[in-house]
Amino acid sequence: MRTGRARRVLAAGLVSLVAVAGCGVRPSDAIPAGDPPSGGVAPPTTTTLYLVKNGRLSAVTRLGGRVSHGRPMFPADTLALLAAGPTAEEQARGLTTDVPPEAGPFSVTANPGGHVVVTLSTPAGDLSTLAVEQIVCTAAAATAPESPVQVTVVGAGQSVGPRNCPGQR
């Protein structure tokens, strides 16, 4: 009886081997696919935040500029980064933020004539002068990096501004 069972197992193994061997990929010549990619490589996007070092504003450039699902960074996203505070590397360089995390979420509206309105989730009048300057400069860099803008910070029925980023004309 052992011989019959062994033959059946051997036969089943051979059938399986033939079936698997017949499913392989057959060799072929190279298949033309057209020209390789050409053109310039898109430069990396950057985001400019204004953090605080030794009681003064300090522009910080972060590589990247895309958030979830590959969508571009919007000015409100940049302000959210500001409220989240410096990265560990930035902290090691002595950078901080005066913008409280509860100031977000933010909304940013760019109006004609170079005026930007940033709306906070907290009272605008409760912010320190440095926090307002951080928001003003970061919003200006995110909305119109090549031209001066005036920024008004609004929150909980209070308004600060319009202000220009210190050093801007």
Protein backbone atom coordinates (compact mmCIF):
# COMPACT_ATOMS: atom_id res chain seq x y z
CA MET A 1 0.00 0.00 0.00
CA ARG A 2 2.85 2.31 0.60
CA THR A 3 3.99 2.02 -2.98
CA GLY A 4 0.60 3.12 -4.35
CA ARG A 5 0.39 6.11 -2.07
CA ALA A 6 3.98 7.14 -2.86
CA ARG A 7 3.22 6.94 -6.59
CA ARG A 8 0.14 9.14 -6.20
CA VAL A 9 2.11 11.76 -4.21
CA LEU A 10 4.89 11.66 -6.78
CA ALA A 11 2.40 11.99 -9.65
CA ALA A 12 0.66 14.92 -7.97
CA GLY A 13 4.03 16.60 -7.43
CA LEU A 14 4.98 16.14 -11.08
CA VAL A 15 1.66 17.54 -12.27
CA SER A 16 2.14 20.56 -10.00
CA LEU A 17 5.70 21.08 -11.25
CA VAL A 18 4.58 20.96 -14.90
CA ALA A 19 1.76 23.42 -14.20
CA VAL A 20 4.06 25.88 -12.42
CA ALA A 21 6.79 25.60 -15.06
CA GLY A 22 4.27 26.38 -17.80
CA CYS A 23 3.31 29.68 -16.11
CA GLY A 24 6.72 31.30 -16.40
CA VAL A 25 7.57 34.49 -18.23
CA ARG A 26 8.96 33.82 -21.66
CA PRO A 27 12.13 35.60 -22.70
CA SER A 28 11.77 38.45 -25.16
CA ASP A 29 13.84 41.15 -26.79
CA ALA A 30 13.98 44.65 -25.36
CA ILE A 31 10.70 46.49 -25.81
CA PRO A 32 11.06 50.12 -26.98
CA ALA A 33 9.37 52.60 -24.65
CA GLY A 34 10.26 55.95 -26.16
CA ASP A 35 12.75 58.58 -25.12
CA PRO A 36 13.94 58.90 -21.54
CA PRO A 37 12.60 61.81 -19.47
CA SER A 38 14.12 65.15 -20.31
CA GLY A 39 13.93 68.74 -19.14
CA GLY A 40 14.81 70.47 -15.94
CA VAL A 41 14.09 69.22 -12.50
CA ALA A 42 11.63 71.34 -10.57
CA PRO A 43 13.40 73.25 -7.82
CA PRO A 44 12.52 72.21 -4.29
CA THR A 45 9.78 74.28 -2.77
CA THR A 46 10.49 76.18 0.40
CA THR A 47 8.40 77.70 3.15
CA THR A 48 9.51 80.78 5.07
CA LEU A 49 8.51 81.16 8.71
CA TYR A 50 9.43 83.95 11.07
CA LEU A 51 10.49 82.52 14.40
CA VAL A 52 12.03 84.30 17.39
CA LYS A 53 15.66 84.24 18.46
CA ASN A 54 16.96 86.37 21.32
CA GLY A 55 13.76 88.45 21.31
CA ARG A 56 13.95 89.31 17.59
CA LEU A 57 12.36 87.96 14.42
CA SER A 58 14.42 85.45 12.48
CA ALA A 59 13.44 84.21 9.00
CA VAL A 60 13.68 80.43 8.74
CA THR A 61 13.40 78.57 5.45
CA ARG A 62 12.13 75.02 5.53
CA LEU A 63 12.40 72.69 2.56
CA GLY A 64 9.18 71.18 1.43
CA GLY A 65 6.00 73.05 0.96
CA ARG A 66 3.47 70.31 0.50
CA VAL A 67 1.16 68.94 3.08
CA SER A 68 -1.18 65.97 3.10
CA HIS A 69 -2.06 64.25 -0.16
CA GLY A 70 0.48 66.28 -2.17
CA ARG A 71 -1.58 69.45 -2.23
CA PRO A 72 0.37 72.73 -2.18
CA MET A 73 1.06 74.60 1.03
CA PHE A 74 -1.49 77.37 1.62
CA PRO A 75 -0.74 80.47 3.75
CA ALA A 76 -2.97 79.10 6.54
CA ASP A 77 -0.87 75.89 6.55
CA THR A 78 2.29 77.97 6.92
CA LEU A 79 0.78 79.81 9.89
CA ALA A 80 -0.16 76.46 11.43
CA LEU A 81 3.53 75.49 11.22
CA LEU A 82 4.36 78.74 12.98
CA ALA A 83 1.93 77.97 15.82
CA ALA A 84 3.30 74.41 16.06
CA GLY A 85 6.67 75.92 16.90
CA PRO A 86 10.22 75.24 15.85
CA THR A 87 11.55 71.83 14.88
CA ALA A 88 14.05 70.12 17.19
CA GLU A 89 16.89 71.36 14.99
CA GLU A 90 15.54 74.94 15.11
CA GLN A 91 15.15 74.71 18.89
CA ALA A 92 18.78 73.61 19.14
CA ARG A 93 19.69 76.83 17.30
CA GLY A 94 17.79 78.85 19.94
CA LEU A 95 14.62 79.54 17.94
CA THR A 96 11.19 79.78 19.58
CA THR A 97 7.72 81.08 18.75
CA ASP A 98 5.45 83.51 20.57
CA VAL A 99 2.40 82.35 18.59
CA PRO A 100 0.34 80.08 20.86
CA PRO A 101 -0.86 76.76 19.43
CA GLU A 102 -4.47 77.65 20.27
CA ALA A 103 -4.30 80.60 17.83
CA GLY A 104 -5.01 78.13 15.02
CA PRO A 105 -6.68 77.13 12.90
CA PHE A 106 -6.06 80.18 10.76
CA SER A 107 -7.74 81.56 7.68
CA VAL A 108 -6.01 83.92 5.29
CA THR A 109 -7.72 86.23 2.82
CA ALA A 110 -5.67 88.17 0.28
CA ASN A 111 -7.50 91.28 -0.91
CA PRO A 112 -6.66 93.43 -3.95
CA GLY A 113 -4.18 96.20 -3.34
CA GLY A 114 -1.77 94.18 -1.22
CA HIS A 115 -3.86 93.75 1.91
CA VAL A 116 -4.04 90.42 3.73
CA VAL A 117 -6.39 89.52 6.58
CA VAL A 118 -5.37 86.70 8.93
CA THR A 119 -8.16 85.39 11.14
CA LEU A 120 -7.20 83.57 14.34
CA SER A 121 -9.15 81.33 16.68
CA THR A 122 -8.13 83.43 19.72
CA PRO A 123 -8.43 87.14 20.55
CA ALA A 124 -5.99 89.11 18.42
CA GLY A 125 -5.49 91.66 21.19
CA ASP A 126 -4.11 88.95 23.53
CA LEU A 127 -1.08 88.30 21.31
CA SER A 128 2.34 89.67 22.17
CA THR A 129 3.93 92.19 19.82
CA LEU A 130 6.39 89.52 18.67
CA ALA A 131 3.57 87.05 17.96
CA VAL A 132 1.78 89.66 15.80
CA GLU A 133 5.03 90.40 13.95
CA GLN A 134 5.62 86.66 13.39
CA ILE A 135 2.12 86.27 11.93
CA VAL A 136 2.42 89.44 9.81
CA CYS A 137 5.81 88.51 8.33
CA THR A 138 4.97 84.82 7.80
CA ALA A 139 1.63 85.69 6.13
CA ALA A 140 3.33 88.30 3.93
CA ALA A 141 6.02 85.81 2.86
CA ALA A 142 3.39 83.14 2.13
CA THR A 143 1.00 85.35 0.13
CA ALA A 144 3.23 87.86 -1.66
CA PRO A 145 6.94 87.12 -1.18
CA GLU A 146 8.01 89.55 -3.91
CA SER A 147 6.02 92.63 -2.88
CA PRO A 148 5.17 94.36 0.37
CA VAL A 149 1.72 93.77 1.80
CA GLN A 150 -0.18 95.05 4.78
CA VAL A 151 -1.54 92.42 7.14
CA THR A 152 -4.40 92.78 9.58
CA VAL A 153 -4.70 90.16 12.32
CA VAL A 154 -8.28 89.50 13.45
CA GLY A 155 -9.60 87.21 16.16
CA ALA A 156 -12.54 87.07 18.58
CA GLY A 157 -13.85 90.48 17.54
CA GLN A 158 -10.46 92.15 18.00
CA SER A 159 -8.22 93.52 15.29
CA VAL A 160 -4.52 94.43 15.15
CA GLY A 161 -3.15 96.30 12.16
CA PRO A 162 -2.87 96.75 9.30
CA ARG A 163 0.88 96.26 9.65
CA ASN A 164 3.82 95.68 7.39
CA CYS A 165 6.55 93.21 8.21
CA PRO A 166 9.36 95.14 9.93
CA GLY A 167 12.04 95.76 7.32
CA GLN A 168 9.46 95.82 4.49
CA ARG A 169 8.71 99.08 2.76
